[in-house]
C-alpha atoms as a PDB file:
ATOM      1  CA  UNK A   1      -0.115   0.148  -0.079  1.00  0.00           C
ATOM      2  CA  UNK A   2       1.536   3.330  -0.915  1.00  0.00           C
ATOM      3  CA  UNK A   3       0.342   6.745   0.356  1.00  0.00           C
ATOM      4  CA  UNK A   4       0.936   9.975  -1.774  1.00  0.00           C
ATOM      5  CA  UNK A   5       0.929  12.892   0.516  1.00  0.00           C
ATOM      6  CA  UNK A   6      -0.435  15.870  -1.157  1.00  0.00           C
ATOM      7  CA  UNK A   7      -0.155  19.462   0.518  1.00  0.00           C
ATOM      8  CA  UNK A   8      -2.621  21.916  -0.759  1.00  0.00           C
ATOM      9  CA  UNK A   9      -4.267  25.131   0.075  1.00  0.00           C
ATOM     10  CA  UNK A  10      -2.761  26.775   3.061  1.00  0.00           C
ATOM     11  CA  UNK A  11      -1.787  23.966   5.252  1.00  0.00           C
ATOM     12  CA  UNK A  12      -4.194  21.027   4.135  1.00  0.00           C
ATOM     13  CA  UNK A  13      -3.206  17.610   3.165  1.00  0.00           C
ATOM     14  CA  UNK A  14      -5.062  15.338   0.683  1.00  0.00           C
ATOM     15  CA  UNK A  15      -4.013  11.872  -0.307  1.00  0.00           C
ATOM     16  CA  UNK A  16      -4.030   9.103  -2.738  1.00  0.00           C
ATOM     17  CA  UNK A  17      -3.768   5.569  -1.544  1.00  0.00           C
ATOM     18  CA  UNK A  18      -2.623   3.099  -4.303  1.00  0.00           C
ATOM     19  CA  UNK A  19      -2.975  -0.788  -4.127  1.00  0.00           C
ATOM     20  CA  UNK A  20       0.128  -1.769  -5.869  1.00  0.00           C
ATOM     21  CA  UNK A  21      -0.858  -4.860  -7.437  1.00  0.00           C
ATOM     22  CA  UNK A  22      -4.141  -3.894  -8.989  1.00  0.00           C
ATOM     23  CA  UNK A  23      -3.066  -0.078  -9.473  1.00  0.00           C
ATOM     24  CA  UNK A  24      -6.459   0.808  -7.987  1.00  0.00           C
ATOM     25  CA  UNK A  25      -6.407   4.110  -5.747  1.00  0.00           C
ATOM     26  CA  UNK A  26      -8.660   5.763  -3.453  1.00  0.00           C
ATOM     27  CA  UNK A  27      -8.408   9.595  -2.668  1.00  0.00           C
ATOM     28  CA  UNK A  28      -8.793  11.134   0.832  1.00  0.00           C
ATOM     29  CA  UNK A  29     -10.061  14.564   1.247  1.00  0.00           C
ATOM     30  CA  UNK A  30     -10.098  16.022  -2.159  1.00  0.00           C
ATOM     31  CA  UNK A  31      -9.808  19.817  -1.953  1.00  0.00           C
ATOM     32  CA  UNK A  32      -8.026  20.340  -5.405  1.00  0.00           C
ATOM     33  CA  UNK A  33      -9.152  18.038  -7.859  1.00  0.00           C
ATOM     34  CA  UNK A  34      -6.945  19.116 -10.667  1.00  0.00           C
ATOM     35  CA  UNK A  35      -3.776  18.579  -8.661  1.00  0.00           C
ATOM     36  CA  UNK A  36      -5.055  15.201  -7.729  1.00  0.00           C
ATOM     37  CA  UNK A  37      -5.899  13.976 -11.207  1.00  0.00           C
ATOM     38  CA  UNK A  38      -2.534  15.140 -12.384  1.00  0.00           C
ATOM     39  CA  UNK A  39      -0.736  12.717  -9.792  1.00  0.00           C
ATOM     40  CA  UNK A  40      -3.398   9.976 -10.577  1.00  0.00           C
ATOM     41  CA  UNK A  41      -2.219  10.140 -14.251  1.00  0.00           C
ATOM     42  CA  UNK A  42       1.553  10.352 -13.336  1.00  0.00           C
ATOM     43  CA  UNK A  43       1.216   7.206 -11.141  1.00  0.00           C
ATOM     44  CA  UNK A  44      -0.945   5.486 -13.927  1.00  0.00           C
ATOM     45  CA  UNK A  45      -3.535   4.299 -11.345  1.00  0.00           C
ATOM     46  CA  UNK A  46      -7.327   3.981 -11.583  1.00  0.00           C
ATOM     47  CA  UNK A  47      -9.130   6.198  -9.109  1.00  0.00           C
ATOM     48  CA  UNK A  48     -12.350   4.385  -7.923  1.00  0.00           C
ATOM     49  CA  UNK A  49     -13.599   6.197  -4.897  1.00  0.00           C
ATOM     50  CA  UNK A  50     -13.117   9.390  -2.659  1.00  0.00           C
ATOM     51  CA  UNK A  51     -13.420   9.190   1.222  1.00  0.00           C
ATOM     52  CA  UNK A  52     -14.231  12.295   2.674  1.00  0.00           C
ATOM     53  CA  UNK A  53     -13.758  13.076   6.520  1.00  0.00           C
ATOM     54  CA  UNK A  54     -16.109  15.734   6.926  1.00  0.00           C
ATOM     55  CA  UNK A  55     -18.030  18.430   5.014  1.00  0.00           C
ATOM     56  CA  UNK A  56     -15.756  21.388   5.550  1.00  0.00           C
ATOM     57  CA  UNK A  57     -14.798  23.215   2.184  1.00  0.00           C
ATOM     58  CA  UNK A  58     -11.056  22.526   2.552  1.00  0.00           C
ATOM     59  CA  UNK A  59     -11.766  19.038   2.613  1.00  0.00           C
ATOM     60  CA  UNK A  60     -14.731  18.346   0.476  1.00  0.00           C
ATOM     61  CA  UNK A  61     -14.744  21.440  -2.077  1.00  0.00           C
ATOM     62  CA  UNK A  62     -13.130  19.501  -4.730  1.00  0.00           C
ATOM     63  CA  UNK A  63     -15.949  16.643  -4.930  1.00  0.00           C
ATOM     64  CA  UNK A  64     -18.294  18.243  -7.329  1.00  0.00           C
ATOM     65  CA  UNK A  65     -15.530  18.925  -9.800  1.00  0.00           C
ATOM     66  CA  UNK A  66     -13.951  15.497  -9.845  1.00  0.00           C
ATOM     67  CA  UNK A  67     -17.406  13.742  -9.980  1.00  0.00           C
ATOM     68  CA  UNK A  68     -18.027  15.862 -13.033  1.00  0.00           C
ATOM     69  CA  UNK A  69     -14.582  14.776 -14.525  1.00  0.00           C
ATOM     70  CA  UNK A  70     -14.836  11.227 -13.451  1.00  0.00           C
ATOM     71  CA  UNK A  71     -18.615  10.228 -14.047  1.00  0.00           C
ATOM     72  CA  UNK A  72     -19.479   7.112 -11.874  1.00  0.00           C
ATOM     73  CA  UNK A  73     -16.866   8.037  -9.193  1.00  0.00           C
ATOM     74  CA  UNK A  74     -18.071   6.863  -5.722  1.00  0.00           C
ATOM     75  CA  UNK A  75     -17.943   9.833  -3.188  1.00  0.00           C
ATOM     76  CA  UNK A  76     -18.269   8.508   0.432  1.00  0.00           C
ATOM     77  CA  UNK A  77     -18.602   9.902   3.923  1.00  0.00           C
ATOM     78  CA  UNK A  78     -20.732  10.168   6.928  1.00  0.00           C
ATOM     79  CA  UNK A  79     -22.270  13.318   6.688  1.00  0.00           C
ATOM     80  CA  UNK A  80     -25.163  14.599   4.150  1.00  0.00           C
ATOM     81  CA  UNK A  81     -23.463  17.982   3.912  1.00  0.00           C
ATOM     82  CA  UNK A  82     -20.533  16.490   1.871  1.00  0.00           C
ATOM     83  CA  UNK A  83     -20.480  17.927  -1.484  1.00  0.00           C
ATOM     84  CA  UNK A  84     -21.529  15.294  -4.104  1.00  0.00           C
ATOM     85  CA  UNK A  85     -21.990  12.579  -1.585  1.00  0.00           C
ATOM     86  CA  UNK A  86     -23.062   9.227  -3.536  1.00  0.00           C
ATOM     87  CA  UNK A  87     -23.211   7.045  -0.246  1.00  0.00           C
ATOM     88  CA  UNK A  88     -23.357   7.633   3.419  1.00  0.00           C
ATOM     89  CA  UNK A  89     -21.405   5.456   5.802  1.00  0.00           C
ATOM     90  CA  UNK A  90     -22.044   4.062   8.970  1.00  0.00           C
ATOM     91  CA  UNK A  91     -19.655   3.615  11.997  1.00  0.00           C
ATOM     92  CA  UNK A  92     -17.939   0.281  11.721  1.00  0.00           C
ATOM     93  CA  UNK A  93     -18.696  -0.384   8.155  1.00  0.00           C
ATOM     94  CA  UNK A  94     -15.938  -2.036   6.196  1.00  0.00           C
ATOM     95  CA  UNK A  95     -15.169  -1.397   2.408  1.00  0.00           C
ATOM     96  CA  UNK A  96     -12.774  -3.077   0.050  1.00  0.00           C
ATOM     97  CA  UNK A  97     -10.651  -1.689  -2.834  1.00  0.00           C
ATOM     98  CA  UNK A  98      -8.424  -4.355  -4.286  1.00  0.00           C
ATOM     99  CA  UNK A  99      -6.288  -5.772  -1.327  1.00  0.00           C
ATOM    100  CA  UNK A 100      -6.999  -2.693   0.805  1.00  0.00           C
ATOM    101  CA  UNK A 101      -9.827  -3.094   3.563  1.00  0.00           C
ATOM    102  CA  UNK A 102     -11.249   0.345   5.108  1.00  0.00           C
ATOM    103  CA  UNK A 103     -12.685   0.357   8.346  1.00  0.00           C
ATOM    104  CA  UNK A 104     -15.036   3.486   8.925  1.00  0.00           C
ATOM    105  CA  UNK A 105     -14.548   4.915  12.311  1.00  0.00           C
ATOM    106  CA  UNK A 106     -17.148   7.757  13.458  1.00  0.00           C
ATOM    107  CA  UNK A 107     -15.069  10.266  15.302  1.00  0.00           C
ATOM    108  CA  UNK A 108     -17.441  13.268  16.101  1.00  0.00           C
ATOM    109  CA  UNK A 109     -16.345  16.525  17.834  1.00  0.00           C
ATOM    110  CA  UNK A 110     -14.825  18.741  15.182  1.00  0.00           C
ATOM    111  CA  UNK A 111     -18.049  18.023  13.236  1.00  0.00           C
ATOM    112  CA  UNK A 112     -21.062  15.954  14.147  1.00  0.00           C
ATOM    113  CA  UNK A 113     -20.511  13.642  10.930  1.00  0.00           C
ATOM    114  CA  UNK A 114     -16.685  13.472  11.238  1.00  0.00           C
ATOM    115  CA  UNK A 115     -15.371   9.970   9.974  1.00  0.00           C
ATOM    116  CA  UNK A 116     -11.882   8.715  10.132  1.00  0.00           C
ATOM    117  CA  UNK A 117     -10.416   5.863   7.901  1.00  0.00           C
ATOM    118  CA  UNK A 118      -8.594   2.857   9.127  1.00  0.00           C
ATOM    119  CA  UNK A 119      -6.936   1.061   6.077  1.00  0.00           C
ATOM    120  CA  UNK A 120      -4.779  -2.250   6.156  1.00  0.00           C
ATOM    121  CA  UNK A 121      -3.966  -5.310   3.842  1.00  0.00           C
ATOM    122  CA  UNK A 122      -4.273  -8.800   4.713  1.00  0.00           C
ATOM    123  CA  UNK A 123      -1.049 -10.820   4.878  1.00  0.00           C
ATOM    124  CA  UNK A 124       1.117  -7.792   4.333  1.00  0.00           C
ATOM    125  CA  UNK A 125       3.974  -6.739   6.227  1.00  0.00           C
ATOM    126  CA  UNK A 126       3.254  -2.980   5.707  1.00  0.00           C
ATOM    127  CA  UNK A 127       1.819  -1.253   8.876  1.00  0.00           C
ATOM    128  CA  UNK A 128      -2.045  -0.124   8.628  1.00  0.00           C
ATOM    129  CA  UNK A 129      -2.932   3.560   8.088  1.00  0.00           C
ATOM    130  CA  UNK A 130      -5.346   5.911   9.792  1.00  0.00           C
ATOM    131  CA  UNK A 131      -6.653   8.940   7.796  1.00  0.00           C
ATOM    132  CA  UNK A 132      -7.780  11.070  10.609  1.00  0.00           C
ATOM    133  CA  UNK A 133      -9.023  14.237   8.984  1.00  0.00           C
ATOM    134  CA  UNK A 134      -9.211  17.087  11.769  1.00  0.00           C
ATOM    135  CA  UNK A 135     -10.024  14.364  14.493  1.00  0.00           C
ATOM    136  CA  UNK A 136      -6.413  13.805  15.150  1.00  0.00           C
ATOM    137  CA  UNK A 137      -3.340  15.789  14.013  1.00  0.00           C
ATOM    138  CA  UNK A 138       0.529  15.704  15.038  1.00  0.00           C
ATOM    139  CA  UNK A 139       0.402  16.683  18.624  1.00  0.00           C
ATOM    140  CA  UNK A 140      -3.164  17.941  18.819  1.00  0.00           C
ATOM    141  CA  UNK A 141      -6.737  17.470  17.642  1.00  0.00           C
ATOM    142  CA  UNK A 142      -9.261  19.520  15.760  1.00  0.00           C
ATOM    143  CA  UNK A 143     -11.385  22.225  17.354  1.00  0.00           C
ATOM    144  CA  UNK A 144     -14.840  21.466  18.803  1.00  0.00           C
ATOM    145  CA  UNK A 145     -17.041  23.146  16.157  1.00  0.00           C
ATOM    146  CA  UNK A 146     -19.886  21.111  16.571  1.00  0.00           C
ATOM    147  CA  UNK A 147     -19.332  18.523  19.337  1.00  0.00           C
ATOM    148  CA  UNK A 148     -18.250  18.711  22.855  1.00  0.00           C
ATOM    149  CA  UNK A 149     -14.690  18.088  24.276  1.00  0.00           C
ATOM    150  CA  UNK A 150     -16.235  14.888  25.682  1.00  0.00           C
ATOM    151  CA  UNK A 151     -17.150  13.740  22.296  1.00  0.00           C
ATOM    152  CA  UNK A 152     -13.628  14.528  21.159  1.00  0.00           C
ATOM    153  CA  UNK A 153     -12.039  12.790  24.017  1.00  0.00           C
ATOM    154  CA  UNK A 154     -14.238   9.499  23.170  1.00  0.00           C
ATOM    155  CA  UNK A 155     -13.289   9.714  19.430  1.00  0.00           C
ATOM    156  CA  UNK A 156      -9.662  10.020  20.160  1.00  0.00           C
ATOM    157  CA  UNK A 157      -9.927   7.010  22.783  1.00  0.00           C
ATOM    158  CA  UNK A 158     -11.325   5.194  19.928  1.00  0.00           C
ATOM    159  CA  UNK A 159      -8.416   6.079  17.944  1.00  0.00           C
ATOM    160  CA  UNK A 160      -6.193   4.924  20.435  1.00  0.00           C
ATOM    161  CA  UNK A 161      -7.439   1.249  20.518  1.00  0.00           C
ATOM    162  CA  UNK A 162      -6.078   0.727  16.866  1.00  0.00           C
ATOM    163  CA  UNK A 163      -2.446  -0.894  16.632  1.00  0.00           C
ATOM    164  CA  UNK A 164       0.363   1.041  17.860  1.00  0.00           C
ATOM    165  CA  UNK A 165       2.144   0.542  14.655  1.00  0.00           C
ATOM    166  CA  UNK A 166      -0.404   2.448  12.535  1.00  0.00           C
ATOM    167  CA  UNK A 167       0.756   5.155  10.647  1.00  0.00           C
ATOM    168  CA  UNK A 168      -1.266   8.420  11.162  1.00  0.00           C
ATOM    169  CA  UNK A 169      -2.009  10.684   7.983  1.00  0.00           C
ATOM    170  CA  UNK A 170      -3.865  13.843   9.434  1.00  0.00           C
ATOM    171  CA  UNK A 171      -5.843  16.744   7.502  1.00  0.00           C
ATOM    172  CA  UNK A 172      -3.676  19.766   8.365  1.00  0.00           C
ATOM    173  CA  UNK A 173       0.098  20.671   9.030  1.00  0.00           C
ATOM    174  CA  UNK A 174      -0.223  22.319  12.394  1.00  0.00           C
ATOM    175  CA  UNK A 175       2.856  20.510  13.706  1.00  0.00           C
ATOM    176  CA  UNK A 176       5.029  23.279  14.942  1.00  0.00           C
ATOM    177  CA  UNK A 177       2.011  25.474  16.409  1.00  0.00           C
ATOM    178  CA  UNK A 178       0.847  22.471  18.201  1.00  0.00           C
ATOM    179  CA  UNK A 179       4.282  21.740  19.905  1.00  0.00           C
ATOM    180  CA  UNK A 180       4.675  25.405  20.452  1.00  0.00           C
ATOM    181  CA  UNK A 181       1.803  25.744  22.420  1.00  0.00           C
ATOM    182  CA  UNK A 182       2.157  22.456  24.313  1.00  0.00           C
ATOM    183  CA  UNK A 183       5.817  23.456  25.156  1.00  0.00           C
ATOM    184  CA  UNK A 184       4.275  27.045  26.632  1.00  0.00           C
ATOM    185  CA  UNK A 185       1.735  24.818  28.654  1.00  0.00           C
ATOM    186  CA  UNK A 186       4.491  22.483  29.889  1.00  0.00           C
ATOM    187  CA  UNK A 187       7.854  23.932  29.208  1.00  0.00           C
ATOM    188  CA  UNK A 188       9.741  21.283  31.446  1.00  0.00           C
ATOM    189  CA  UNK A 189       8.304  18.403  29.274  1.00  0.00           C
ATOM    190  CA  UNK A 190      11.236  16.856  27.433  1.00  0.00           C
ATOM    191  CA  UNK A 191       8.996  14.751  25.453  1.00  0.00           C
ATOM    192  CA  UNK A 192       7.492  17.761  23.792  1.00  0.00           C
ATOM    193  CA  UNK A 193      10.612  19.678  23.534  1.00  0.00           C
ATOM    194  CA  UNK A 194      12.268  16.450  21.603  1.00  0.00           C
ATOM    195  CA  UNK A 195       9.449  16.546  19.266  1.00  0.00           C
ATOM    196  CA  UNK A 196       9.545  20.130  18.839  1.00  0.00           C
ATOM    197  CA  UNK A 197      13.089  19.735  17.753  1.00  0.00           C
ATOM    198  CA  UNK A 198      11.985  16.749  15.279  1.00  0.00           C
ATOM    199  CA  UNK A 199       9.430  19.150  13.579  1.00  0.00           C
ATOM    200  CA  UNK A 200      11.889  22.041  13.327  1.00  0.00           C
ATOM    201  CA  UNK A 201      14.379  19.722  11.523  1.00  0.00           C
ATOM    202  CA  UNK A 202      11.758  19.125   8.731  1.00  0.00           C
ATOM    203  CA  UNK A 203      11.269  22.533   7.220  1.00  0.00           C
ATOM    204  CA  UNK A 204       8.228  23.792   5.127  1.00  0.00           C
ATOM    205  CA  UNK A 205       9.673  22.944   1.920  1.00  0.00           C
ATOM    206  CA  UNK A 206       9.738  19.228   3.259  1.00  0.00           C
ATOM    207  CA  UNK A 207       5.941  19.257   4.117  1.00  0.00           C
ATOM    208  CA  UNK A 208       4.371  15.660   4.226  1.00  0.00           C
ATOM    209  CA  UNK A 209       7.689  14.373   6.114  1.00  0.00           C
ATOM    210  CA  UNK A 210       5.877  15.383   9.415  1.00  0.00           C
ATOM    211  CA  UNK A 211       2.852  13.051   8.770  1.00  0.00           C
ATOM    212  CA  UNK A 212       2.662   9.174   8.395  1.00  0.00           C
ATOM    213  CA  UNK A 213       4.317   8.632  11.891  1.00  0.00           C
ATOM    214  CA  UNK A 214       2.953   6.273  14.244  1.00  0.00           C
ATOM    215  CA  UNK A 215       0.472   8.440  16.408  1.00  0.00           C
ATOM    216  CA  UNK A 216      -0.446   6.724  19.297  1.00  0.00           C
ATOM    217  CA  UNK A 217       2.718   7.570  21.584  1.00  0.00           C
ATOM    218  CA  UNK A 218       0.367  10.745  22.181  1.00  0.00           C
ATOM    219  CA  UNK A 219      -1.751   8.577  24.305  1.00  0.00           C
ATOM    220  CA  UNK A 220       0.652   6.035  25.766  1.00  0.00           C
ATOM    221  CA  UNK A 221       3.909   7.865  26.447  1.00  0.00           C
ATOM    222  CA  UNK A 222       2.987  11.525  27.075  1.00  0.00           C
ATOM    223  CA  UNK A 223       0.247  13.549  28.662  1.00  0.00           C
ATOM    224  CA  UNK A 224      -2.691  14.654  26.266  1.00  0.00           C
ATOM    225  CA  UNK A 225      -2.327  18.257  25.323  1.00  0.00           C
ATOM    226  CA  UNK A 226      -5.261  20.588  25.812  1.00  0.00           C
ATOM    227  CA  UNK A 227      -5.646  24.218  25.525  1.00  0.00           C
ATOM    228  CA  UNK A 228      -5.072  26.000  28.815  1.00  0.00           C
ATOM    229  CA  UNK A 229      -6.739  28.953  27.988  1.00  0.00           C
ATOM    230  CA  UNK A 230     -10.218  27.192  27.444  1.00  0.00           C
ATOM    231  CA  UNK A 231     -11.069  29.469  24.795  1.00  0.00           C
ATOM    232  CA  UNK A 232     -12.482  28.245  21.349  1.00  0.00           C
ATOM    233  CA  UNK A 233     -10.810  28.560  17.991  1.00  0.00           C
ATOM    234  CA  UNK A 234     -12.109  30.828  15.156  1.00  0.00           C
ATOM    235  CA  UNK A 235     -12.498  29.280  11.918  1.00  0.00           C
ATOM    236  CA  UNK A 236     -10.076  26.636  11.003  1.00  0.00           C
ATOM    237  CA  UNK A 237      -7.069  28.308  12.334  1.00  0.00           C
ATOM    238  CA  UNK A 238      -5.111  28.170  15.823  1.00  0.00           C
ATOM    239  CA  UNK A 239      -6.071  31.816  16.838  1.00  0.00           C
ATOM    240  CA  UNK A 240      -7.342  32.608  20.316  1.00  0.00           C
ATOM    241  CA  UNK A 241      -8.444  36.371  20.416  1.00  0.00           C
ATOM    242  CA  UNK A 242      -7.834  36.498  24.196  1.00  0.00           C
ATOM    243  CA  UNK A 243      -4.378  34.556  23.974  1.00  0.00           C
ATOM    244  CA  UNK A 244      -2.574  35.632  20.844  1.00  0.00           C
ATOM    245  CA  UNK A 245       0.865  34.813  21.955  1.00  0.00           C
ATOM    246  CA  UNK A 246      -0.008  31.250  22.444  1.00  0.00           C
ATOM    247  CA  UNK A 247      -1.887  30.830  19.274  1.00  0.00           C
ATOM    248  CA  UNK A 248       0.279  31.666  16.176  1.00  0.00           C
ATOM    249  CA  UNK A 249      -1.806  30.896  13.050  1.00  0.00           C
ATOM    250  CA  UNK A 250      -4.062  33.474  11.061  1.00  0.00           C
ATOM    251  CA  UNK A 251      -7.605  33.399  11.387  1.00  0.00           C
ATOM    252  CA  UNK A 252      -8.157  33.330   7.780  1.00  0.00           C
ATOM    253  CA  UNK A 253      -9.138  30.275   5.827  1.00  0.00           C
ATOM    254  CA  UNK A 254      -8.289  31.604   2.306  1.00  0.00           C
ATOM    255  CA  UNK A 255      -5.258  29.897   0.625  1.00  0.00           C
ATOM    256  CA  UNK A 256      -2.527  32.131   0.863  1.00  0.00           C
ATOM    257  CA  UNK A 257      -1.224  31.687  -2.586  1.00  0.00           C
ATOM    258  CA  UNK A 258      -2.973  32.510  -5.728  1.00  0.00           C
ATOM    259  CA  UNK A 259      -1.864  29.500  -7.772  1.00  0.00           C
ATOM    260  CA  UNK A 260      -4.308  27.866 -10.024  1.00  0.00           C
ATOM    261  CA  UNK A 261      -4.283  24.615  -7.873  1.00  0.00           C
ATOM    262  CA  UNK A 262      -4.071  26.289  -4.678  1.00  0.00           C
ATOM    263  CA  UNK A 263      -1.021  24.159  -3.683  1.00  0.00           C
ATOM    264  CA  UNK A 264       1.568  26.058  -1.522  1.00  0.00           C
ATOM    265  CA  UNK A 265       4.471  27.483  -3.316  1.00  0.00           C
ATOM    266  CA  UNK A 266       7.456  24.976  -3.394  1.00  0.00           C
ATOM    267  CA  UNK A 267       5.371  22.037  -2.082  1.00  0.00           C
ATOM    268  CA  UNK A 268       5.552  18.956  -3.856  1.00  0.00           C
ATOM    269  CA  UNK A 269       3.939  15.340  -3.102  1.00  0.00           C
ATOM    270  CA  UNK A 270       5.571  13.091  -0.821  1.00  0.00           C
ATOM    271  CA  UNK A 271       5.329   9.188  -1.292  1.00  0.00           C
ATOM    272  CA  UNK A 272       4.999   6.951   1.512  1.00  0.00           C
ATOM    273  CA  UNK A 273       5.182   3.184   0.818  1.00  0.00           C
ATOM    274  CA  UNK A 274       4.180   1.745   4.087  1.00  0.00           C
ATOM    275  CA  UNK A 275       6.932  -0.462   5.640  1.00  0.00           C
ATOM    276  CA  UNK A 276       6.907  -1.950   9.046  1.00  0.00           C
ATOM    277  CA  UNK A 277      10.386  -0.177  10.142  1.00  0.00           C
ATOM    278  CA  UNK A 278       9.334   3.331   8.642  1.00  0.00           C
ATOM    279  CA  UNK A 279       8.343   6.472  10.112  1.00  0.00           C
ATOM    280  CA  UNK A 280       8.515   7.581  13.711  1.00  0.00           C
ATOM    281  CA  UNK A 281       6.081   8.535  16.549  1.00  0.00           C
ATOM    282  CA  UNK A 282       4.035  11.525  16.375  1.00  0.00           C
ATOM    283  CA  UNK A 283       5.044  12.329  20.085  1.00  0.00           C
ATOM    284  CA  UNK A 284       8.220  10.391  20.500  1.00  0.00           C
END
C-alpha cells in the first residue's frame, strides 16, 4: 500500500492511496481535484472512490468537479452535507478496494459527522494507516466546532484502540504550532521539547515528512495536550483572540497563494510506501 501525501491550500493534506498490485486508488479529502488528477495520471492508477472525512470546504470542495470529470466515481462519507456524496457510511462499516480494507470510524467532535478511515492489507508486512482528518493531528486534535470536548475525547480514545504501529495521516499541517503551544503549557516536558526539535528539522519545503508517523505515543507515552486558555478557535485556524501569543496562526481560511491549483509554493507530493520499519512517533 502506497500513500501519496499531497500538500494543498494553506496547510491541508489530501491523499492518494494506491493498491500496488491492481493499481486501484482511493483519494482522501479532495480539496484540489486538478492537482489530484495530475498525480493519478502520473502514477498510472485507476481512481475508484473518494473518502471524505467531513463536510468542511477545505476537505470536500473538490468533490463536485472531480465527480464531473470522473462520472460514476463513488464519493463516500458519514455526513449528508458532504458535496456530491453518493453514499453515506456508518460507523464500523468495512469497504474493500482491491487488497485494501477500509474500516470506517465515526469520530465526532470537530463536526458531528466526522469519519476517520483505518486502512490495511491482509497478509502484508506493511503497517496499517489511519486517515484522521481533523480528529487527530500531529501533537493535537481539531477544534470542537459541532461537538463537545467529551465527544472529542471519546473519539480520540476510539483511535487509541488501533494497533500501535498504525501510521497516522492527518488533515492539516499544524505540527509546529501544536508543539509550540504544548511547550508553553508544559515548558519542562522533555517529550514535547524533543518532538519540537524533530519538527523544526523538517522545514516547510519538506511538508509531508511530518505525517505518516505512528501516532499513539501521544496517548501512551505522554500527557494529552489541551488548550490551557479554554477558549475556542475561530474558523479553522489556531487563533485565540484572548491569547494571541499562544496561538500563532491567522484566522483566515483563504489560501495564501494565488496558484491555480491552490497548492503551496514549493510544495511537492511525498510518497509513503508503508513498511514496518519506517516512520516515527508523532509524540516520540
